[in-house]
Amino acid sequence: VNDPQVLAHPPILIASPAETDLSEAGIDAIPENDAIQIQWELSADLKGYKLYRRAQNEDDFSVLRTFNETDSLFYDSQNITYNTRYFYCMEGKDKNNNWTEPSDTLDYMLVVKAFNLYQTAGDKITFHWQFHDFSPEMYFLKLYDESTDDLLWMSEVQPSYTTLEENVEYNWDGRATKQALEQNRFYRWRIDVKGPDRNSGSESNWQRFTVE
């Protein structure tokens, strides 16, 4: 009697990071476009991967894409719509071309992005943005030094609920790593929206500027 063939372990999809995590690995929104980032751990036992997706209004999973052994990241922008939850799971192909059992299922829902980002100068630089749709749970303003890619300030901003436009002064919460921004230096910032449901949100396009 032959021993039953032992399959490799399923791939491991990386869960959604917290909004305050410095690492943005895992299932998440991205600033560049309306897409959901899917990321998984590479396995030496697997030489290929197959990604499945199901929308909340669909009954069954369908194959979204296949990958080779060196792939570990994918941006899903295929027919993605706001306020729709998408579910993902993955199978791996072992050295004998057998497919593993499905991985655990992860899910995410994109919401609309904050828009019309701009900053104004005064006693302190003030950051402005607009948002429409529902009332988000929280805004996260993330400011980076463009040349070093260092995160200089991450600020949690409560929605005002009274107007489409929000604004805050630089370092109003005392959490910035620098008391003042330097002149003639390039910076970039964006607004992350935390949605009202678990694993939901968006990341605005980057806004770049220099201090004169």
N, C-alpha and C. Protein backbone atom coordinates (compact mmCIF):
# COMPACT_ATOMS: atom_id res chain seq x y z
N VAL A 1 0.85 -1.18 0.00
CA VAL A 1 0.00 0.00 0.00
C VAL A 1 0.89 1.23 0.00
N ASN A 2 0.66 2.10 -0.96
CA ASN A 2 1.45 3.33 -1.04
C ASN A 2 0.95 4.35 -0.03
N ASP A 3 1.90 5.12 0.52
CA ASP A 3 1.51 6.20 1.42
C ASP A 3 0.82 7.29 0.61
N PRO A 4 -0.21 7.93 1.17
CA PRO A 4 -0.86 9.04 0.46
C PRO A 4 0.13 10.17 0.26
N GLN A 5 -0.01 10.84 -0.87
CA GLN A 5 0.90 11.93 -1.18
C GLN A 5 0.67 13.10 -0.24
N VAL A 6 1.73 13.64 0.32
CA VAL A 6 1.64 14.76 1.24
C VAL A 6 1.76 16.06 0.45
N LEU A 7 0.72 16.87 0.50
CA LEU A 7 0.73 18.15 -0.21
C LEU A 7 1.49 19.20 0.59
N ALA A 8 2.03 20.19 -0.11
CA ALA A 8 2.68 21.31 0.55
C ALA A 8 1.64 22.14 1.30
N HIS A 9 2.12 22.94 2.23
CA HIS A 9 1.21 23.81 2.98
C HIS A 9 0.66 24.90 2.06
N PRO A 10 -0.57 25.34 2.29
CA PRO A 10 -1.15 26.42 1.47
C PRO A 10 -0.36 27.71 1.63
N PRO A 11 -0.45 28.60 0.66
CA PRO A 11 0.19 29.92 0.81
C PRO A 11 -0.41 30.68 1.99
N ILE A 12 0.33 31.67 2.45
CA ILE A 12 -0.13 32.52 3.56
C ILE A 12 -0.33 33.93 3.04
N LEU A 13 -1.59 34.36 2.97
CA LEU A 13 -1.89 35.74 2.62
C LEU A 13 -1.62 36.62 3.84
N ILE A 14 -1.08 37.83 3.60
CA ILE A 14 -0.73 38.74 4.68
C ILE A 14 -1.93 39.64 4.97
N ALA A 15 -2.32 39.68 6.25
CA ALA A 15 -3.51 40.42 6.66
C ALA A 15 -3.30 41.93 6.55
N SER A 16 -4.39 42.65 6.64
CA SER A 16 -4.36 44.11 6.51
C SER A 16 -3.60 44.74 7.66
N PRO A 17 -2.70 45.69 7.37
CA PRO A 17 -1.96 46.36 8.46
C PRO A 17 -2.85 47.38 9.15
N ALA A 18 -2.48 47.71 10.38
CA ALA A 18 -3.14 48.82 11.07
C ALA A 18 -2.76 50.12 10.39
N GLU A 19 -3.64 51.12 10.48
CA GLU A 19 -3.37 52.40 9.82
C GLU A 19 -2.10 53.06 10.34
N THR A 20 -1.73 52.76 11.59
CA THR A 20 -0.55 53.38 12.18
C THR A 20 0.72 52.57 11.98
N ASP A 21 0.64 51.42 11.30
CA ASP A 21 1.84 50.62 11.03
C ASP A 21 2.74 51.34 10.05
N LEU A 22 4.05 51.32 10.32
CA LEU A 22 4.99 51.90 9.37
C LEU A 22 5.10 51.04 8.12
N SER A 23 5.01 49.73 8.29
CA SER A 23 4.98 48.82 7.14
C SER A 23 3.57 48.76 6.59
N GLU A 24 3.46 48.80 5.27
CA GLU A 24 2.14 48.74 4.64
C GLU A 24 1.98 47.44 3.86
N ALA A 25 2.64 46.39 4.35
CA ALA A 25 2.51 45.08 3.73
C ALA A 25 1.14 44.49 4.07
N GLY A 26 0.60 43.71 3.14
CA GLY A 26 -0.67 43.04 3.37
C GLY A 26 -1.78 43.57 2.48
N ILE A 27 -2.98 43.08 2.72
CA ILE A 27 -4.13 43.50 1.92
C ILE A 27 -4.51 44.92 2.34
N ASP A 28 -4.57 45.83 1.35
CA ASP A 28 -4.69 47.24 1.70
C ASP A 28 -5.07 48.05 0.47
N ALA A 29 -5.47 49.31 0.69
CA ALA A 29 -5.64 50.27 -0.40
C ALA A 29 -4.26 50.78 -0.81
N ILE A 30 -4.18 51.42 -1.98
CA ILE A 30 -2.93 52.05 -2.44
C ILE A 30 -3.26 53.45 -2.94
N PRO A 31 -2.27 54.37 -2.91
CA PRO A 31 -2.55 55.74 -3.35
C PRO A 31 -2.59 55.93 -4.85
N GLU A 32 -1.92 55.08 -5.60
CA GLU A 32 -1.75 55.33 -7.04
C GLU A 32 -3.03 55.21 -7.84
N ASN A 33 -3.91 54.30 -7.51
CA ASN A 33 -5.17 54.14 -8.23
C ASN A 33 -6.18 53.41 -7.36
N ASP A 34 -7.33 53.11 -7.94
CA ASP A 34 -8.39 52.40 -7.22
C ASP A 34 -8.13 50.90 -7.33
N ALA A 35 -7.34 50.38 -6.44
CA ALA A 35 -6.95 48.98 -6.49
C ALA A 35 -6.75 48.47 -5.07
N ILE A 36 -6.83 47.15 -4.92
CA ILE A 36 -6.58 46.50 -3.64
C ILE A 36 -5.26 45.75 -3.74
N GLN A 37 -4.37 46.03 -2.80
CA GLN A 37 -3.08 45.36 -2.76
C GLN A 37 -3.23 44.00 -2.09
N ILE A 38 -2.73 42.95 -2.75
CA ILE A 38 -2.72 41.60 -2.21
C ILE A 38 -1.27 41.18 -2.07
N GLN A 39 -0.90 40.67 -0.90
CA GLN A 39 0.48 40.25 -0.68
C GLN A 39 0.50 38.92 0.07
N TRP A 40 1.48 38.09 -0.26
CA TRP A 40 1.58 36.78 0.38
C TRP A 40 3.03 36.44 0.66
N GLU A 41 3.23 35.47 1.55
CA GLU A 41 4.57 35.01 1.90
C GLU A 41 5.06 34.00 0.87
N LEU A 42 6.28 34.18 0.43
CA LEU A 42 6.87 33.21 -0.49
C LEU A 42 7.22 31.92 0.26
N SER A 43 7.09 30.80 -0.45
CA SER A 43 7.40 29.50 0.13
C SER A 43 8.38 28.76 -0.78
N ALA A 44 9.44 28.18 -0.17
CA ALA A 44 10.40 27.40 -0.94
C ALA A 44 9.80 26.11 -1.47
N ASP A 45 8.67 25.70 -0.93
CA ASP A 45 8.02 24.46 -1.35
C ASP A 45 7.08 24.65 -2.53
N LEU A 46 6.88 25.89 -2.95
CA LEU A 46 5.90 26.18 -4.00
C LEU A 46 6.58 26.84 -5.19
N LYS A 47 6.15 26.46 -6.38
CA LYS A 47 6.71 27.05 -7.61
C LYS A 47 5.68 27.84 -8.40
N GLY A 48 4.53 28.06 -7.84
CA GLY A 48 3.50 28.85 -8.49
C GLY A 48 2.34 29.11 -7.55
N TYR A 49 1.52 30.08 -7.91
CA TYR A 49 0.40 30.48 -7.06
C TYR A 49 -0.80 30.78 -7.95
N LYS A 50 -1.99 30.58 -7.38
CA LYS A 50 -3.23 30.90 -8.09
C LYS A 50 -4.12 31.68 -7.13
N LEU A 51 -4.50 32.90 -7.56
CA LEU A 51 -5.29 33.80 -6.72
C LEU A 51 -6.75 33.76 -7.14
N TYR A 52 -7.64 33.62 -6.15
CA TYR A 52 -9.08 33.59 -6.38
C TYR A 52 -9.72 34.83 -5.74
N ARG A 53 -10.82 35.29 -6.35
CA ARG A 53 -11.55 36.44 -5.81
C ARG A 53 -13.05 36.19 -5.89
N ARG A 54 -13.75 36.73 -4.89
CA ARG A 54 -15.21 36.72 -4.91
C ARG A 54 -15.69 38.06 -4.37
N ALA A 55 -16.61 38.72 -5.09
CA ALA A 55 -17.22 39.94 -4.60
C ALA A 55 -18.36 39.57 -3.66
N GLN A 56 -18.75 40.50 -2.82
CA GLN A 56 -19.76 40.21 -1.81
C GLN A 56 -21.11 39.82 -2.42
N ASN A 57 -21.35 40.23 -3.65
CA ASN A 57 -22.62 39.88 -4.30
C ASN A 57 -22.50 38.65 -5.21
N GLU A 58 -21.37 37.94 -5.12
CA GLU A 58 -21.15 36.73 -5.92
C GLU A 58 -21.15 35.51 -5.02
N ASP A 59 -21.60 34.39 -5.57
CA ASP A 59 -21.70 33.16 -4.78
C ASP A 59 -20.40 32.36 -4.76
N ASP A 60 -19.64 32.43 -5.85
CA ASP A 60 -18.48 31.56 -5.99
C ASP A 60 -17.21 32.36 -6.26
N PHE A 61 -16.08 31.78 -5.88
CA PHE A 61 -14.78 32.33 -6.22
C PHE A 61 -14.46 32.01 -7.68
N SER A 62 -13.71 32.90 -8.31
CA SER A 62 -13.19 32.65 -9.66
C SER A 62 -11.70 32.98 -9.67
N VAL A 63 -10.97 32.35 -10.59
CA VAL A 63 -9.54 32.59 -10.68
C VAL A 63 -9.29 34.00 -11.19
N LEU A 64 -8.50 34.76 -10.44
CA LEU A 64 -8.18 36.12 -10.83
C LEU A 64 -6.89 36.16 -11.65
N ARG A 65 -5.88 35.40 -11.18
CA ARG A 65 -4.60 35.40 -11.89
C ARG A 65 -3.70 34.31 -11.31
N THR A 66 -2.76 33.83 -12.13
CA THR A 66 -1.74 32.89 -11.66
C THR A 66 -0.39 33.60 -11.63
N PHE A 67 0.53 33.11 -10.77
CA PHE A 67 1.82 33.75 -10.56
C PHE A 67 2.92 32.71 -10.52
N ASN A 68 4.15 33.17 -10.74
CA ASN A 68 5.29 32.26 -10.65
C ASN A 68 5.86 32.26 -9.23
N GLU A 69 6.92 31.51 -9.01
CA GLU A 69 7.44 31.29 -7.67
C GLU A 69 8.08 32.51 -7.04
N THR A 70 8.42 33.52 -7.84
CA THR A 70 9.06 34.71 -7.29
C THR A 70 8.09 35.85 -7.02
N ASP A 71 6.82 35.71 -7.44
CA ASP A 71 5.83 36.77 -7.23
C ASP A 71 5.29 36.71 -5.81
N SER A 72 5.08 37.88 -5.22
CA SER A 72 4.49 37.92 -3.88
C SER A 72 3.59 39.13 -3.67
N LEU A 73 3.30 39.87 -4.76
CA LEU A 73 2.54 41.10 -4.65
C LEU A 73 1.69 41.30 -5.90
N PHE A 74 0.43 41.75 -5.69
CA PHE A 74 -0.46 41.99 -6.82
C PHE A 74 -1.40 43.12 -6.46
N TYR A 75 -1.67 44.01 -7.45
CA TYR A 75 -2.65 45.09 -7.27
C TYR A 75 -3.88 44.75 -8.09
N ASP A 76 -4.98 44.50 -7.43
CA ASP A 76 -6.21 44.12 -8.11
C ASP A 76 -7.03 45.36 -8.42
N SER A 77 -7.09 45.72 -9.71
CA SER A 77 -7.90 46.85 -10.16
C SER A 77 -8.96 46.41 -11.16
N GLN A 78 -9.19 45.12 -11.25
CA GLN A 78 -10.11 44.57 -12.25
C GLN A 78 -11.56 44.71 -11.78
N ASN A 79 -12.25 45.66 -12.40
CA ASN A 79 -13.68 45.89 -12.11
C ASN A 79 -13.95 46.12 -10.63
N ILE A 80 -13.01 46.83 -9.97
CA ILE A 80 -13.19 47.15 -8.55
C ILE A 80 -14.15 48.33 -8.42
N THR A 81 -15.10 48.23 -7.52
CA THR A 81 -16.03 49.33 -7.26
C THR A 81 -15.98 49.69 -5.78
N TYR A 82 -16.27 50.96 -5.50
CA TYR A 82 -16.29 51.42 -4.12
C TYR A 82 -17.39 50.73 -3.32
N ASN A 83 -17.15 50.62 -2.01
CA ASN A 83 -18.15 50.12 -1.06
C ASN A 83 -18.63 48.71 -1.38
N THR A 84 -17.78 47.95 -2.06
CA THR A 84 -18.04 46.53 -2.32
C THR A 84 -16.91 45.73 -1.68
N ARG A 85 -17.25 44.75 -0.88
CA ARG A 85 -16.22 43.94 -0.21
C ARG A 85 -15.79 42.79 -1.12
N TYR A 86 -14.48 42.62 -1.24
CA TYR A 86 -13.91 41.56 -2.06
C TYR A 86 -13.16 40.57 -1.17
N PHE A 87 -13.35 39.30 -1.47
CA PHE A 87 -12.75 38.21 -0.71
C PHE A 87 -11.70 37.51 -1.57
N TYR A 88 -10.56 37.18 -0.96
CA TYR A 88 -9.45 36.58 -1.69
C TYR A 88 -8.94 35.33 -0.97
N CYS A 89 -8.59 34.33 -1.76
CA CYS A 89 -7.86 33.19 -1.23
C CYS A 89 -6.90 32.71 -2.32
N MET A 90 -5.99 31.81 -1.95
CA MET A 90 -4.92 31.44 -2.87
C MET A 90 -4.57 29.97 -2.71
N GLU A 91 -4.18 29.34 -3.81
CA GLU A 91 -3.61 28.00 -3.79
C GLU A 91 -2.18 28.07 -4.30
N GLY A 92 -1.36 27.11 -3.87
CA GLY A 92 0.02 27.04 -4.33
C GLY A 92 0.26 25.75 -5.10
N LYS A 93 1.20 25.79 -6.04
CA LYS A 93 1.56 24.59 -6.82
C LYS A 93 2.91 24.09 -6.34
N ASP A 94 2.97 22.80 -5.94
CA ASP A 94 4.22 22.27 -5.41
C ASP A 94 5.13 21.76 -6.53
N LYS A 95 6.26 21.16 -6.15
CA LYS A 95 7.25 20.70 -7.12
C LYS A 95 6.73 19.60 -8.03
N ASN A 96 5.68 18.92 -7.58
CA ASN A 96 5.09 17.83 -8.38
C ASN A 96 3.86 18.29 -9.16
N ASN A 97 3.68 19.61 -9.23
CA ASN A 97 2.56 20.21 -9.97
C ASN A 97 1.20 19.93 -9.34
N ASN A 98 1.19 19.63 -8.05
CA ASN A 98 -0.07 19.47 -7.33
C ASN A 98 -0.43 20.80 -6.66
N TRP A 99 -1.72 21.10 -6.69
CA TRP A 99 -2.20 22.33 -6.06
C TRP A 99 -2.56 22.05 -4.61
N THR A 100 -2.19 22.97 -3.73
CA THR A 100 -2.46 22.82 -2.31
C THR A 100 -3.94 23.08 -2.00
N GLU A 101 -4.29 22.87 -0.77
CA GLU A 101 -5.59 23.32 -0.28
C GLU A 101 -5.62 24.85 -0.32
N PRO A 102 -6.80 25.45 -0.33
CA PRO A 102 -6.87 26.92 -0.34
C PRO A 102 -6.31 27.52 0.95
N SER A 103 -5.79 28.71 0.82
CA SER A 103 -5.32 29.46 1.98
C SER A 103 -6.51 29.98 2.78
N ASP A 104 -6.21 30.63 3.90
CA ASP A 104 -7.25 31.37 4.60
C ASP A 104 -7.76 32.50 3.69
N THR A 105 -9.00 32.90 3.89
CA THR A 105 -9.61 33.95 3.08
C THR A 105 -9.47 35.31 3.78
N LEU A 106 -9.02 36.31 3.02
CA LEU A 106 -8.96 37.69 3.51
C LEU A 106 -9.89 38.56 2.68
N ASP A 107 -10.27 39.70 3.22
CA ASP A 107 -11.21 40.56 2.49
C ASP A 107 -10.87 42.02 2.72
N TYR A 108 -11.35 42.87 1.80
CA TYR A 108 -11.13 44.31 1.90
C TYR A 108 -12.20 45.04 1.11
N MET A 109 -12.52 46.28 1.54
CA MET A 109 -13.49 47.11 0.84
C MET A 109 -12.90 48.50 0.64
N LEU A 110 -12.82 48.94 -0.62
CA LEU A 110 -12.36 50.28 -0.93
C LEU A 110 -13.47 51.30 -0.73
N VAL A 111 -13.11 52.46 -0.20
CA VAL A 111 -14.04 53.59 -0.14
C VAL A 111 -13.41 54.72 -0.97
N VAL A 112 -14.18 55.77 -1.22
CA VAL A 112 -13.68 56.85 -2.07
C VAL A 112 -12.47 57.51 -1.40
N LYS A 113 -11.62 58.11 -2.22
CA LYS A 113 -10.42 58.78 -1.73
C LYS A 113 -10.72 60.20 -1.29
N ALA A 114 -9.94 60.70 -0.34
CA ALA A 114 -9.91 62.14 -0.09
C ALA A 114 -9.33 62.82 -1.34
N PHE A 115 -9.76 64.04 -1.61
CA PHE A 115 -9.34 64.72 -2.84
C PHE A 115 -9.10 66.20 -2.57
N ASN A 116 -8.61 66.88 -3.62
CA ASN A 116 -8.31 68.31 -3.54
C ASN A 116 -7.38 68.61 -2.37
N LEU A 117 -6.29 67.87 -2.27
CA LEU A 117 -5.29 68.12 -1.23
C LEU A 117 -4.46 69.34 -1.60
N TYR A 118 -4.26 70.25 -0.65
CA TYR A 118 -3.36 71.38 -0.85
C TYR A 118 -2.93 71.90 0.51
N GLN A 119 -1.89 72.71 0.52
CA GLN A 119 -1.41 73.27 1.77
C GLN A 119 -1.26 74.78 1.63
N THR A 120 -1.43 75.49 2.72
CA THR A 120 -1.29 76.94 2.73
C THR A 120 -0.25 77.34 3.77
N ALA A 121 0.43 78.45 3.51
CA ALA A 121 1.47 78.94 4.42
C ALA A 121 0.90 80.01 5.33
N GLY A 122 1.44 80.09 6.52
CA GLY A 122 1.06 81.09 7.51
C GLY A 122 2.05 80.99 8.64
N ASP A 123 1.58 81.23 9.86
CA ASP A 123 2.46 80.98 11.00
C ASP A 123 2.90 79.53 11.01
N LYS A 124 1.99 78.66 10.62
CA LYS A 124 2.31 77.26 10.42
C LYS A 124 1.66 76.79 9.12
N ILE A 125 2.26 75.80 8.48
CA ILE A 125 1.67 75.24 7.27
C ILE A 125 0.37 74.53 7.65
N THR A 126 -0.65 74.77 6.88
CA THR A 126 -1.95 74.14 7.11
C THR A 126 -2.27 73.22 5.94
N PHE A 127 -2.68 72.02 6.26
CA PHE A 127 -3.01 71.01 5.27
C PHE A 127 -4.53 70.94 5.10
N HIS A 128 -4.97 70.95 3.84
CA HIS A 128 -6.40 70.95 3.53
C HIS A 128 -6.73 69.74 2.64
N TRP A 129 -7.93 69.21 2.80
CA TRP A 129 -8.43 68.17 1.91
C TRP A 129 -9.95 68.14 1.98
N GLN A 130 -10.52 67.46 1.01
CA GLN A 130 -11.98 67.31 0.97
C GLN A 130 -12.35 65.84 0.90
N PHE A 131 -13.54 65.56 1.38
CA PHE A 131 -14.03 64.19 1.35
C PHE A 131 -15.55 64.22 1.26
N HIS A 132 -16.08 63.34 0.41
CA HIS A 132 -17.54 63.21 0.33
C HIS A 132 -17.90 61.74 0.29
N ASP A 133 -19.09 61.43 0.56
CA ASP A 133 -19.65 60.08 0.62
C ASP A 133 -20.20 59.88 2.02
N PHE A 134 -19.65 58.97 2.80
CA PHE A 134 -20.10 58.73 4.16
C PHE A 134 -19.18 59.45 5.15
N SER A 135 -19.49 59.36 6.43
CA SER A 135 -18.60 59.90 7.45
C SER A 135 -17.60 58.82 7.85
N PRO A 136 -16.31 59.03 7.58
CA PRO A 136 -15.32 58.01 7.91
C PRO A 136 -15.10 57.92 9.42
N GLU A 137 -14.49 56.84 9.84
CA GLU A 137 -14.17 56.70 11.25
C GLU A 137 -13.01 57.60 11.66
N MET A 138 -12.03 57.76 10.76
CA MET A 138 -10.85 58.55 11.08
C MET A 138 -10.09 58.89 9.81
N TYR A 139 -9.41 60.05 9.83
CA TYR A 139 -8.43 60.40 8.81
C TYR A 139 -7.03 60.21 9.40
N PHE A 140 -6.09 59.79 8.54
CA PHE A 140 -4.69 59.70 8.94
C PHE A 140 -3.87 60.51 7.94
N LEU A 141 -3.27 61.60 8.41
CA LEU A 141 -2.40 62.41 7.56
C LEU A 141 -0.99 61.88 7.72
N LYS A 142 -0.35 61.52 6.59
CA LYS A 142 1.01 60.97 6.61
C LYS A 142 1.91 61.86 5.76
N LEU A 143 2.94 62.42 6.40
CA LEU A 143 3.85 63.36 5.76
C LEU A 143 5.25 62.76 5.73
N TYR A 144 5.87 62.76 4.54
CA TYR A 144 7.19 62.16 4.35
C TYR A 144 8.18 63.18 3.80
N ASP A 145 9.45 62.99 4.15
CA ASP A 145 10.53 63.69 3.49
C ASP A 145 10.77 62.99 2.16
N GLU A 146 10.65 63.72 1.07
CA GLU A 146 10.72 63.11 -0.26
C GLU A 146 12.10 62.55 -0.56
N SER A 147 13.15 63.19 -0.07
CA SER A 147 14.51 62.76 -0.42
C SER A 147 14.97 61.56 0.41
N THR A 148 14.53 61.47 1.65
CA THR A 148 14.97 60.36 2.52
C THR A 148 13.92 59.28 2.68
N ASP A 149 12.68 59.58 2.30
CA ASP A 149 11.55 58.67 2.46
C ASP A 149 11.22 58.42 3.94
N ASP A 150 11.66 59.31 4.81
CA ASP A 150 11.35 59.19 6.23
C ASP A 150 9.96 59.73 6.53
N LEU A 151 9.23 59.03 7.38
CA LEU A 151 7.93 59.51 7.83
C LEU A 151 8.17 60.57 8.91
N LEU A 152 7.76 61.81 8.65
CA LEU A 152 7.99 62.91 9.58
C LEU A 152 6.81 63.14 10.52
N TRP A 153 5.62 62.78 10.05
CA TRP A 153 4.43 63.09 10.86
C TRP A 153 3.29 62.17 10.45
N MET A 154 2.69 61.53 11.43
CA MET A 154 1.46 60.79 11.21
C MET A 154 0.43 61.30 12.22
N SER A 155 -0.61 61.90 11.73
CA SER A 155 -1.59 62.55 12.59
C SER A 155 -2.97 61.91 12.41
N GLU A 156 -3.59 61.56 13.52
CA GLU A 156 -4.96 61.03 13.50
C GLU A 156 -5.92 62.20 13.65
N VAL A 157 -6.80 62.37 12.67
CA VAL A 157 -7.69 63.53 12.63
C VAL A 157 -9.14 63.05 12.67
N GLN A 158 -9.87 63.51 13.65
CA GLN A 158 -11.29 63.18 13.74
C GLN A 158 -12.06 63.97 12.68
N PRO A 159 -12.99 63.33 11.97
CA PRO A 159 -13.83 64.07 11.01
C PRO A 159 -14.65 65.13 11.72
N SER A 160 -14.84 66.26 11.04
CA SER A 160 -15.62 67.35 11.63
C SER A 160 -17.13 67.10 11.52
N TYR A 161 -17.52 66.33 10.48
CA TYR A 161 -18.93 66.00 10.23
C TYR A 161 -19.78 67.22 9.85
N THR A 162 -19.15 68.38 9.67
CA THR A 162 -19.94 69.59 9.39
C THR A 162 -19.68 70.16 8.00
N THR A 163 -18.61 69.75 7.34
CA THR A 163 -18.26 70.32 6.05
C THR A 163 -17.49 69.30 5.24
N LEU A 164 -17.46 69.52 3.92
CA LEU A 164 -16.69 68.63 3.05
C LEU A 164 -15.19 68.83 3.23
N GLU A 165 -14.77 70.03 3.62
CA GLU A 165 -13.34 70.33 3.72
C GLU A 165 -12.85 70.18 5.15
N GLU A 166 -11.69 69.53 5.27
CA GLU A 166 -11.03 69.37 6.55
C GLU A 166 -9.67 70.08 6.47
N ASN A 167 -9.16 70.53 7.62
CA ASN A 167 -7.82 71.11 7.63
C ASN A 167 -7.22 71.01 9.02
N VAL A 168 -5.88 70.87 9.05
CA VAL A 168 -5.15 70.86 10.31
C VAL A 168 -3.82 71.57 10.11
N GLU A 169 -3.31 72.20 11.16
CA GLU A 169 -2.00 72.82 11.11
C GLU A 169 -0.93 71.77 11.35
N TYR A 170 0.23 72.04 10.77
CA TYR A 170 1.36 71.12 10.94
C TYR A 170 1.69 70.96 12.42
N ASN A 171 1.82 69.70 12.84
CA ASN A 171 2.22 69.32 14.19
C ASN A 171 1.26 69.85 15.27
N TRP A 172 -0.01 69.95 14.93
CA TRP A 172 -1.00 70.41 15.91
C TRP A 172 -1.07 69.46 17.12
N ASP A 173 -0.71 68.19 16.90
CA ASP A 173 -0.80 67.20 17.96
C ASP A 173 0.54 66.92 18.64
N GLY A 174 1.61 67.58 18.18
CA GLY A 174 2.91 67.39 18.79
C GLY A 174 3.59 66.08 18.45
N ARG A 175 3.14 65.40 17.40
CA ARG A 175 3.68 64.09 17.06
C ARG A 175 4.73 64.13 15.95
N ALA A 176 4.97 65.26 15.34
CA ALA A 176 5.94 65.35 14.26
C ALA A 176 7.36 65.19 14.80
N THR A 177 8.24 64.65 13.98
CA THR A 177 9.63 64.45 14.39
C THR A 177 10.44 65.74 14.27
N LYS A 178 9.90 66.75 13.57
CA LYS A 178 10.56 68.04 13.46
C LYS A 178 9.57 69.14 13.84
N GLN A 179 10.06 70.11 14.59
CA GLN A 179 9.20 71.21 15.02
C GLN A 179 8.76 72.08 13.84
N ALA A 180 9.63 72.19 12.82
CA ALA A 180 9.31 72.99 11.64
C ALA A 180 9.89 72.31 10.41
N LEU A 181 9.23 72.48 9.27
CA LEU A 181 9.72 71.94 8.02
C LEU A 181 10.76 72.88 7.42
N GLU A 182 11.76 72.31 6.77
CA GLU A 182 12.86 73.09 6.24
C GLU A 182 12.51 73.72 4.90
N GLN A 183 13.08 74.86 4.65
CA GLN A 183 12.88 75.53 3.37
C GLN A 183 13.63 74.81 2.26
N ASN A 184 13.09 74.94 1.05
CA ASN A 184 13.71 74.38 -0.16
C ASN A 184 13.96 72.87 -0.05
N ARG A 185 13.10 72.19 0.66
CA ARG A 185 13.18 70.74 0.78
C ARG A 185 11.85 70.16 0.30
N PHE A 186 11.91 69.00 -0.36
CA PHE A 186 10.71 68.43 -0.94
C PHE A 186 10.02 67.49 0.06
N TYR A 187 8.71 67.62 0.11
CA TYR A 187 7.89 66.78 0.99
C TYR A 187 6.71 66.22 0.20
N ARG A 188 6.14 65.15 0.72
CA ARG A 188 4.91 64.62 0.14
C ARG A 188 3.99 64.17 1.28
N TRP A 189 2.68 64.27 1.05
CA TRP A 189 1.73 63.84 2.06
C TRP A 189 0.48 63.29 1.40
N ARG A 190 -0.26 62.54 2.17
CA ARG A 190 -1.51 61.98 1.68
C ARG A 190 -2.46 61.83 2.86
N ILE A 191 -3.71 61.55 2.54
CA ILE A 191 -4.74 61.30 3.56
C ILE A 191 -5.26 59.87 3.39
N ASP A 192 -5.12 59.08 4.43
CA ASP A 192 -5.71 57.75 4.47
C ASP A 192 -7.05 57.85 5.19
N VAL A 193 -8.06 57.25 4.60
CA VAL A 193 -9.39 57.22 5.20
C VAL A 193 -9.62 55.85 5.80
N LYS A 194 -9.99 55.81 7.06
CA LYS A 194 -10.40 54.55 7.68
C LYS A 194 -11.90 54.45 7.57
N GLY A 195 -12.38 53.43 6.88
CA GLY A 195 -13.81 53.29 6.64
C GLY A 195 -14.59 52.91 7.89
N PRO A 196 -15.91 52.91 7.78
CA PRO A 196 -16.75 52.62 8.94
C PRO A 196 -16.80 51.13 9.29
N ASP A 197 -16.38 50.27 8.35
CA ASP A 197 -16.40 48.83 8.59
C ASP A 197 -14.97 48.32 8.72
N ARG A 198 -14.81 47.11 9.22
CA ARG A 198 -13.48 46.52 9.34
C ARG A 198 -12.86 46.36 7.95
N ASN A 199 -11.53 46.40 7.90
CA ASN A 199 -10.80 46.22 6.64
C ASN A 199 -11.42 47.03 5.50
N SER A 200 -11.58 48.31 5.73
CA SER A 200 -12.11 49.18 4.67
C SER A 200 -11.40 50.53 4.76
N GLY A 201 -11.17 51.13 3.59
CA GLY A 201 -10.52 52.43 3.59
C GLY A 201 -10.03 52.83 2.22
N SER A 202 -9.23 53.89 2.19
CA SER A 202 -8.64 54.38 0.94
C SER A 202 -7.40 55.20 1.28
N GLU A 203 -6.57 55.41 0.27
CA GLU A 203 -5.38 56.24 0.39
C GLU A 203 -5.40 57.24 -0.75
N SER A 204 -5.34 58.52 -0.42
CA SER A 204 -5.42 59.55 -1.45
C SER A 204 -4.16 59.55 -2.32
N ASN A 205 -4.24 60.24 -3.45
CA ASN A 205 -3.05 60.48 -4.25
C ASN A 205 -2.08 61.34 -3.44
N TRP A 206 -0.78 61.23 -3.75
CA TRP A 206 0.22 62.02 -3.05
C TRP A 206 0.14 63.49 -3.46
N GLN A 207 0.36 64.38 -2.51
CA GLN A 207 0.50 65.81 -2.77
C GLN A 207 1.93 66.20 -2.39
N ARG A 208 2.67 66.80 -3.33
CA ARG A 208 4.06 67.16 -3.12
C ARG A 208 4.22 68.68 -3.06
N PHE A 209 5.17 69.13 -2.23
CA PHE A 209 5.36 70.57 -2.07
C PHE A 209 6.74 70.86 -1.49
N THR A 210 7.15 72.11 -1.55
CA THR A 210 8.35 72.60 -0.88
C THR A 210 7.95 73.81 -0.02
N VAL A 211 8.75 74.08 0.99
CA VAL A 211 8.52 75.23 1.86
C VAL A 211 9.38 76.38 1.34
N GLU A 212 8.75 77.51 1.06
CA GLU A 212 9.49 78.67 0.54
C GLU A 212 9.86 79.62 1.67
